[in-house]
Amino acid sequence: MSWEVHAACKGAPITLFFPEIGASTRPAKKFCAVCPVRQVCLDTAMALPVNEDHGVRGGMSARARRELRQAQALTLAA
């Protein structure tokens, strides 16, 4: 069974996690805050070959995931 079946967001409208540009990501992050598979979701998003430039995954916005990728790259380069 896939981890997605345990996600707190299962059955929630996808538009909640991909809000219009400039709209708040807080409603989506509320689901993520209590999700038992949040870390797996984030790990999956971070493993994608190209960073999605929109949407909330694993409790992080696309911007936060970009910043995390950059910090990880700096750590690896050091």
PDB file of N, CA and C in Angstrom:
ATOM      1  N   MET A   1       0.848  -1.188   0.000  1.00  0.00           N
ATOM      2  CA  MET A   1       0.000   0.000   0.000  1.00  0.00           C
ATOM      3  C   MET A   1       0.891   1.248   0.000  1.00  0.00           C
ATOM      4  N   SER A   2       0.535   2.218  -0.779  1.00  0.00           N
ATOM      5  CA  SER A   2       1.308   3.444  -0.911  1.00  0.00           C
ATOM      6  C   SER A   2       1.070   4.383   0.280  1.00  0.00           C
ATOM      7  N   TRP A   3       2.063   5.204   0.563  1.00  0.00           N
ATOM      8  CA  TRP A   3       1.960   6.124   1.690  1.00  0.00           C
ATOM      9  C   TRP A   3       0.827   7.128   1.511  1.00  0.00           C
ATOM     10  N   GLU A   4       0.450   7.413   0.271  1.00  0.00           N
ATOM     11  CA  GLU A   4      -0.586   8.419   0.006  1.00  0.00           C
ATOM     12  C   GLU A   4      -1.928   8.088   0.660  1.00  0.00           C
ATOM     13  N   VAL A   5      -2.211   6.804   0.841  1.00  0.00           N
ATOM     14  CA  VAL A   5      -3.498   6.429   1.424  1.00  0.00           C
ATOM     15  C   VAL A   5      -3.591   6.860   2.888  1.00  0.00           C
ATOM     16  N   HIS A   6      -2.464   7.149   3.504  1.00  0.00           N
ATOM     17  CA  HIS A   6      -2.440   7.575   4.905  1.00  0.00           C
ATOM     18  C   HIS A   6      -2.355   9.095   5.057  1.00  0.00           C
ATOM     19  N   ALA A   7      -2.306   9.800   3.946  1.00  0.00           N
ATOM     20  CA  ALA A   7      -2.141  11.250   3.974  1.00  0.00           C
ATOM     21  C   ALA A   7      -3.379  11.951   4.537  1.00  0.00           C
ATOM     22  N   ALA A   8      -3.143  12.959   5.360  1.00  0.00           N
ATOM     23  CA  ALA A   8      -4.239  13.744   5.938  1.00  0.00           C
ATOM     24  C   ALA A   8      -5.039  14.449   4.840  1.00  0.00           C
ATOM     25  N   CYS A   9      -4.396  14.732   3.731  1.00  0.00           N
ATOM     26  CA  CYS A   9      -5.053  15.470   2.653  1.00  0.00           C
ATOM     27  C   CYS A   9      -5.862  14.577   1.708  1.00  0.00           C
ATOM     28  N   LYS A  10      -5.837  13.267   1.940  1.00  0.00           N
ATOM     29  CA  LYS A  10      -6.563  12.352   1.060  1.00  0.00           C
ATOM     30  C   LYS A  10      -8.030  12.774   0.971  1.00  0.00           C
ATOM     31  N   GLY A  11      -8.474  13.024  -0.221  1.00  0.00           N
ATOM     32  CA  GLY A  11      -9.847  13.435  -0.448  1.00  0.00           C
ATOM     33  C   GLY A  11     -10.070  14.939  -0.429  1.00  0.00           C
ATOM     34  N   ALA A  12      -9.044  15.693  -0.007  1.00  0.00           N
ATOM     35  CA  ALA A  12      -9.168  17.159   0.001  1.00  0.00           C
ATOM     36  C   ALA A  12      -9.045  17.681  -1.432  1.00  0.00           C
ATOM     37  N   PRO A  13      -9.636  18.818  -1.704  1.00  0.00           N
ATOM     38  CA  PRO A  13      -9.534  19.377  -3.058  1.00  0.00           C
ATOM     39  C   PRO A  13      -8.070  19.703  -3.395  1.00  0.00           C
ATOM     40  N   ILE A  14      -7.615  19.262  -4.547  1.00  0.00           N
ATOM     41  CA  ILE A  14      -6.231  19.501  -4.973  1.00  0.00           C
ATOM     42  C   ILE A  14      -5.928  20.994  -5.069  1.00  0.00           C
ATOM     43  N   THR A  15      -6.958  21.792  -5.355  1.00  0.00           N
ATOM     44  CA  THR A  15      -6.755  23.237  -5.472  1.00  0.00           C
ATOM     45  C   THR A  15      -6.294  23.851  -4.147  1.00  0.00           C
ATOM     46  N   LEU A  16      -6.584  23.179  -3.055  1.00  0.00           N
ATOM     47  CA  LEU A  16      -6.135  23.654  -1.745  1.00  0.00           C
ATOM     48  C   LEU A  16      -4.614  23.650  -1.672  1.00  0.00           C
ATOM     49  N   PHE A  17      -3.972  22.690  -2.323  1.00  0.00           N
ATOM     50  CA  PHE A  17      -2.528  22.526  -2.277  1.00  0.00           C
ATOM     51  C   PHE A  17      -1.818  23.220  -3.435  1.00  0.00           C
ATOM     52  N   PHE A  18      -2.596  23.700  -4.382  1.00  0.00           N
ATOM     53  CA  PHE A  18      -2.062  24.455  -5.501  1.00  0.00           C
ATOM     54  C   PHE A  18      -2.884  25.736  -5.653  1.00  0.00           C
ATOM     55  N   PRO A  19      -2.779  26.620  -4.643  1.00  0.00           N
ATOM     56  CA  PRO A  19      -3.587  27.845  -4.684  1.00  0.00           C
ATOM     57  C   PRO A  19      -3.112  28.781  -5.788  1.00  0.00           C
ATOM     58  N   GLU A  20      -3.961  29.719  -6.108  1.00  0.00           N
ATOM     59  CA  GLU A  20      -3.585  30.719  -7.102  1.00  0.00           C
ATOM     60  C   GLU A  20      -2.321  31.436  -6.632  1.00  0.00           C
ATOM     61  N   ILE A  21      -1.532  31.894  -7.577  1.00  0.00           N
ATOM     62  CA  ILE A  21      -0.298  32.612  -7.259  1.00  0.00           C
ATOM     63  C   ILE A  21      -0.638  33.784  -6.341  1.00  0.00           C
ATOM     64  N   GLY A  22       0.074  33.872  -5.241  1.00  0.00           N
ATOM     65  CA  GLY A  22      -0.129  34.954  -4.279  1.00  0.00           C
ATOM     66  C   GLY A  22      -1.123  34.625  -3.179  1.00  0.00           C
ATOM     67  N   ALA A  23      -1.892  33.549  -3.352  1.00  0.00           N
ATOM     68  CA  ALA A  23      -2.869  33.155  -2.328  1.00  0.00           C
ATOM     69  C   ALA A  23      -2.146  32.441  -1.183  1.00  0.00           C
ATOM     70  N   SER A  24      -2.765  32.410  -0.045  1.00  0.00           N
ATOM     71  CA  SER A  24      -2.174  31.801   1.147  1.00  0.00           C
ATOM     72  C   SER A  24      -2.035  30.281   1.011  1.00  0.00           C
ATOM     73  N   THR A  25      -0.934  29.779   1.534  1.00  0.00           N
ATOM     74  CA  THR A  25      -0.712  28.332   1.592  1.00  0.00           C
ATOM     75  C   THR A  25      -1.067  27.781   2.976  1.00  0.00           C
ATOM     76  N   ARG A  26      -1.501  28.651   3.883  1.00  0.00           N
ATOM     77  CA  ARG A  26      -1.815  28.221   5.251  1.00  0.00           C
ATOM     78  C   ARG A  26      -2.853  27.107   5.344  1.00  0.00           C
ATOM     79  N   PRO A  27      -3.948  27.175   4.581  1.00  0.00           N
ATOM     80  CA  PRO A  27      -4.937  26.083   4.692  1.00  0.00           C
ATOM     81  C   PRO A  27      -4.329  24.715   4.365  1.00  0.00           C
ATOM     82  N   ALA A  28      -3.503  24.648   3.358  1.00  0.00           N
ATOM     83  CA  ALA A  28      -2.863  23.376   3.001  1.00  0.00           C
ATOM     84  C   ALA A  28      -1.898  22.943   4.094  1.00  0.00           C
ATOM     85  N   LYS A  29      -1.144  23.878   4.620  1.00  0.00           N
ATOM     86  CA  LYS A  29      -0.155  23.561   5.646  1.00  0.00           C
ATOM     87  C   LYS A  29      -0.810  23.062   6.934  1.00  0.00           C
ATOM     88  N   LYS A  30      -2.078  23.427   7.165  1.00  0.00           N
ATOM     89  CA  LYS A  30      -2.800  22.909   8.330  1.00  0.00           C
ATOM     90  C   LYS A  30      -3.017  21.404   8.197  1.00  0.00           C
ATOM     91  N   PHE A  31      -3.324  20.943   6.992  1.00  0.00           N
ATOM     92  CA  PHE A  31      -3.435  19.508   6.755  1.00  0.00           C
ATOM     93  C   PHE A  31      -2.085  18.850   7.026  1.00  0.00           C
ATOM     94  N   CYS A  32      -1.041  19.438   6.478  1.00  0.00           N
ATOM     95  CA  CYS A  32       0.301  18.858   6.595  1.00  0.00           C
ATOM     96  C   CYS A  32       0.777  18.794   8.041  1.00  0.00           C
ATOM     97  N   ALA A  33       0.391  19.755   8.831  1.00  0.00           N
ATOM     98  CA  ALA A  33       0.861  19.819  10.220  1.00  0.00           C
ATOM     99  C   ALA A  33       0.449  18.590  11.032  1.00  0.00           C
ATOM    100  N   VAL A  34      -0.644  17.967  10.673  1.00  0.00           N
ATOM    101  CA  VAL A  34      -1.136  16.802  11.421  1.00  0.00           C
ATOM    102  C   VAL A  34      -1.017  15.504  10.617  1.00  0.00           C
ATOM    103  N   CYS A  35      -0.332  15.566   9.509  1.00  0.00           N
ATOM    104  CA  CYS A  35      -0.264  14.412   8.618  1.00  0.00           C
ATOM    105  C   CYS A  35       0.786  13.401   9.074  1.00  0.00           C
ATOM    106  N   PRO A  36       0.399  12.128   9.175  1.00  0.00           N
ATOM    107  CA  PRO A  36       1.349  11.104   9.605  1.00  0.00           C
ATOM    108  C   PRO A  36       2.409  10.765   8.562  1.00  0.00           C
ATOM    109  N   VAL A  37       2.211  11.177   7.319  1.00  0.00           N
ATOM    110  CA  VAL A  37       3.190  10.871   6.268  1.00  0.00           C
ATOM    111  C   VAL A  37       3.815  12.134   5.679  1.00  0.00           C
ATOM    112  N   ARG A  38       3.791  13.215   6.444  1.00  0.00           N
ATOM    113  CA  ARG A  38       4.315  14.498   5.971  1.00  0.00           C
ATOM    114  C   ARG A  38       5.756  14.386   5.498  1.00  0.00           C
ATOM    115  N   GLN A  39       6.604  13.735   6.268  1.00  0.00           N
ATOM    116  CA  GLN A  39       8.017  13.655   5.906  1.00  0.00           C
ATOM    117  C   GLN A  39       8.227  12.853   4.621  1.00  0.00           C
ATOM    118  N   VAL A  40       7.467  11.783   4.461  1.00  0.00           N
ATOM    119  CA  VAL A  40       7.573  10.988   3.234  1.00  0.00           C
ATOM    120  C   VAL A  40       7.129  11.827   2.038  1.00  0.00           C
ATOM    121  N   CYS A  41       6.082  12.590   2.211  1.00  0.00           N
ATOM    122  CA  CYS A  41       5.587  13.473   1.151  1.00  0.00           C
ATOM    123  C   CYS A  41       6.657  14.491   0.774  1.00  0.00           C
ATOM    124  N   LEU A  42       7.273  15.104   1.778  1.00  0.00           N
ATOM    125  CA  LEU A  42       8.324  16.083   1.514  1.00  0.00           C
ATOM    126  C   LEU A  42       9.520  15.412   0.843  1.00  0.00           C
ATOM    127  N   ASP A  43       9.924  14.260   1.344  1.00  0.00           N
ATOM    128  CA  ASP A  43      11.058  13.538   0.751  1.00  0.00           C
ATOM    129  C   ASP A  43      10.780  13.213  -0.716  1.00  0.00           C
ATOM    130  N   THR A  44       9.545  12.823  -1.006  1.00  0.00           N
ATOM    131  CA  THR A  44       9.159  12.505  -2.381  1.00  0.00           C
ATOM    132  C   THR A  44       9.246  13.750  -3.254  1.00  0.00           C
ATOM    133  N   ALA A  45       8.758  14.865  -2.756  1.00  0.00           N
ATOM    134  CA  ALA A  45       8.822  16.117  -3.516  1.00  0.00           C
ATOM    135  C   ALA A  45      10.267  16.546  -3.739  1.00  0.00           C
ATOM    136  N   MET A  46      11.102  16.379  -2.728  1.00  0.00           N
ATOM    137  CA  MET A  46      12.502  16.786  -2.850  1.00  0.00           C
ATOM    138  C   MET A  46      13.268  15.869  -3.799  1.00  0.00           C
ATOM    139  N   ALA A  47      12.797  14.647  -3.991  1.00  0.00           N
ATOM    140  CA  ALA A  47      13.468  13.695  -4.872  1.00  0.00           C
ATOM    141  C   ALA A  47      13.093  13.889  -6.343  1.00  0.00           C
ATOM    142  N   LEU A  48      12.101  14.730  -6.612  1.00  0.00           N
ATOM    143  CA  LEU A  48      11.719  14.968  -8.000  1.00  0.00           C
ATOM    144  C   LEU A  48      12.903  15.587  -8.741  1.00  0.00           C
ATOM    145  N   PRO A  49      13.112  15.203  -9.999  1.00  0.00           N
ATOM    146  CA  PRO A  49      14.267  15.725 -10.735  1.00  0.00           C
ATOM    147  C   PRO A  49      14.216  17.238 -10.951  1.00  0.00           C
ATOM    148  N   VAL A  50      13.026  17.786 -10.999  1.00  0.00           N
ATOM    149  CA  VAL A  50      12.856  19.229 -11.168  1.00  0.00           C
ATOM    150  C   VAL A  50      11.940  19.724 -10.063  1.00  0.00           C
ATOM    151  N   ASN A  51      12.356  20.792  -9.389  1.00  0.00           N
ATOM    152  CA  ASN A  51      11.541  21.347  -8.314  1.00  0.00           C
ATOM    153  C   ASN A  51      10.265  21.951  -8.883  1.00  0.00           C
ATOM    154  N   GLU A  52       9.125  21.538  -8.367  1.00  0.00           N
ATOM    155  CA  GLU A  52       7.864  22.151  -8.778  1.00  0.00           C
ATOM    156  C   GLU A  52       7.878  23.607  -8.343  1.00  0.00           C
ATOM    157  N   ASP A  53       7.412  24.467  -9.192  1.00  0.00           N
ATOM    158  CA  ASP A  53       7.455  25.882  -8.861  1.00  0.00           C
ATOM    159  C   ASP A  53       6.151  26.388  -8.257  1.00  0.00           C
ATOM    160  N   HIS A  54       5.296  25.465  -7.849  1.00  0.00           N
ATOM    161  CA  HIS A  54       4.009  25.852  -7.289  1.00  0.00           C
ATOM    162  C   HIS A  54       3.505  24.703  -6.418  1.00  0.00           C
ATOM    163  N   GLY A  55       2.759  25.041  -5.409  1.00  0.00           N
ATOM    164  CA  GLY A  55       2.105  24.014  -4.607  1.00  0.00           C
ATOM    165  C   GLY A  55       2.787  23.697  -3.291  1.00  0.00           C
ATOM    166  N   VAL A  56       2.003  23.106  -2.396  1.00  0.00           N
ATOM    167  CA  VAL A  56       2.475  22.706  -1.073  1.00  0.00           C
ATOM    168  C   VAL A  56       2.628  21.196  -1.065  1.00  0.00           C
ATOM    169  N   ARG A  57       3.774  20.745  -0.590  1.00  0.00           N
ATOM    170  CA  ARG A  57       4.042  19.310  -0.430  1.00  0.00           C
ATOM    171  C   ARG A  57       4.815  19.135   0.857  1.00  0.00           C
ATOM    172  N   GLY A  58       4.406  18.196   1.649  1.00  0.00           N
ATOM    173  CA  GLY A  58       5.117  17.925   2.893  1.00  0.00           C
ATOM    174  C   GLY A  58       5.174  19.109   3.832  1.00  0.00           C
ATOM    175  N   GLY A  59       4.193  19.980   3.735  1.00  0.00           N
ATOM    176  CA  GLY A  59       4.136  21.138   4.617  1.00  0.00           C
ATOM    177  C   GLY A  59       4.985  22.313   4.177  1.00  0.00           C
ATOM    178  N   MET A  60       5.580  22.229   2.997  1.00  0.00           N
ATOM    179  CA  MET A  60       6.437  23.310   2.523  1.00  0.00           C
ATOM    180  C   MET A  60       5.944  23.844   1.181  1.00  0.00           C
ATOM    181  N   SER A  61       6.028  25.156   1.042  1.00  0.00           N
ATOM    182  CA  SER A  61       5.697  25.780  -0.235  1.00  0.00           C
ATOM    183  C   SER A  61       6.833  25.519  -1.222  1.00  0.00           C
ATOM    184  N   ALA A  62       6.582  25.809  -2.479  1.00  0.00           N
ATOM    185  CA  ALA A  62       7.614  25.629  -3.502  1.00  0.00           C
ATOM    186  C   ALA A  62       8.838  26.485  -3.173  1.00  0.00           C
ATOM    187  N   ARG A  63       8.622  27.689  -2.697  1.00  0.00           N
ATOM    188  CA  ARG A  63       9.737  28.569  -2.337  1.00  0.00           C
ATOM    189  C   ARG A  63      10.563  27.957  -1.204  1.00  0.00           C
ATOM    190  N   ALA A  64       9.889  27.442  -0.190  1.00  0.00           N
ATOM    191  CA  ALA A  64      10.603  26.838   0.938  1.00  0.00           C
ATOM    192  C   ALA A  64      11.382  25.599   0.490  1.00  0.00           C
ATOM    193  N   ARG A  65      10.810  24.827  -0.434  1.00  0.00           N
ATOM    194  CA  ARG A  65      11.528  23.657  -0.951  1.00  0.00           C
ATOM    195  C   ARG A  65      12.747  24.078  -1.760  1.00  0.00           C
ATOM    196  N   ARG A  66      12.618  25.149  -2.538  1.00  0.00           N
ATOM    197  CA  ARG A  66      13.773  25.680  -3.288  1.00  0.00           C
ATOM    198  C   ARG A  66      14.886  26.083  -2.334  1.00  0.00           C
ATOM    199  N   GLU A  67      14.511  26.798  -1.263  1.00  0.00           N
ATOM    200  CA  GLU A  67      15.498  27.241  -0.282  1.00  0.00           C
ATOM    201  C   GLU A  67      16.164  26.048   0.402  1.00  0.00           C
ATOM    202  N   LEU A  68      15.375  25.015   0.696  1.00  0.00           N
ATOM    203  CA  LEU A  68      15.931  23.813   1.310  1.00  0.00           C
ATOM    204  C   LEU A  68      16.907  23.124   0.358  1.00  0.00           C
ATOM    205  N   ARG A  69      16.542  23.041  -0.914  1.00  0.00           N
ATOM    206  CA  ARG A  69      17.451  22.457  -1.910  1.00  0.00           C
ATOM    207  C   ARG A  69      18.764  23.227  -1.977  1.00  0.00           C
ATOM    208  N   GLN A  70      18.663  24.549  -1.971  1.00  0.00           N
ATOM    209  CA  GLN A  70      19.864  25.384  -2.035  1.00  0.00           C
ATOM    210  C   GLN A  70      20.741  25.169  -0.800  1.00  0.00           C
ATOM    211  N   ALA A  71      20.116  25.104   0.369  1.00  0.00           N
ATOM    212  CA  ALA A  71      20.870  24.875   1.605  1.00  0.00           C
ATOM    213  C   ALA A  71      21.525  23.498   1.583  1.00  0.00           C
ATOM    214  N   GLN A  72      20.815  22.500   1.079  1.00  0.00           N
ATOM    215  CA  GLN A  72      21.394  21.157   0.986  1.00  0.00           C
ATOM    216  C   GLN A  72      22.568  21.131   0.007  1.00  0.00           C
ATOM    217  N   ALA A  73      22.432  21.850  -1.099  1.00  0.00           N
ATOM    218  CA  ALA A  73      23.523  21.905  -2.078  1.00  0.00           C
ATOM    219  C   ALA A  73      24.759  22.581  -1.494  1.00  0.00           C
ATOM    220  N   LEU A  74      24.550  23.650  -0.711  1.00  0.00           N
ATOM    221  CA  LEU A  74      25.677  24.337  -0.069  1.00  0.00           C
ATOM    222  C   LEU A  74      26.365  23.431   0.937  1.00  0.00           C
ATOM    223  N   THR A  75      25.563  22.672   1.675  1.00  0.00           N
ATOM    224  CA  THR A  75      26.113  21.742   2.664  1.00  0.00           C
ATOM    225  C   THR A  75      26.957  20.669   1.982  1.00  0.00           C
ATOM    226  N   LEU A  76      26.460  20.146   0.864  1.00  0.00           N
ATOM    227  CA  LEU A  76      27.194  19.120   0.133  1.00  0.00           C
ATOM    228  C   LEU A  76      28.469  19.671  -0.485  1.00  0.00           C
ATOM    229  N   ALA A  77      28.430  20.952  -0.880  1.00  0.00           N
ATOM    230  CA  ALA A  77      29.597  21.567  -1.515  1.00  0.00           C
ATOM    231  C   ALA A  77      30.696  21.909  -0.505  1.00  0.00           C
ATOM    232  N   ALA A  78      30.311  22.024   0.758  1.00  0.00           N
ATOM    233  CA  ALA A  78      31.286  22.415   1.788  1.00  0.00           C
ATOM    234  C   ALA A  78      32.194  21.292   2.201  1.00  0.00           C
TER     235      ALA A  78
END
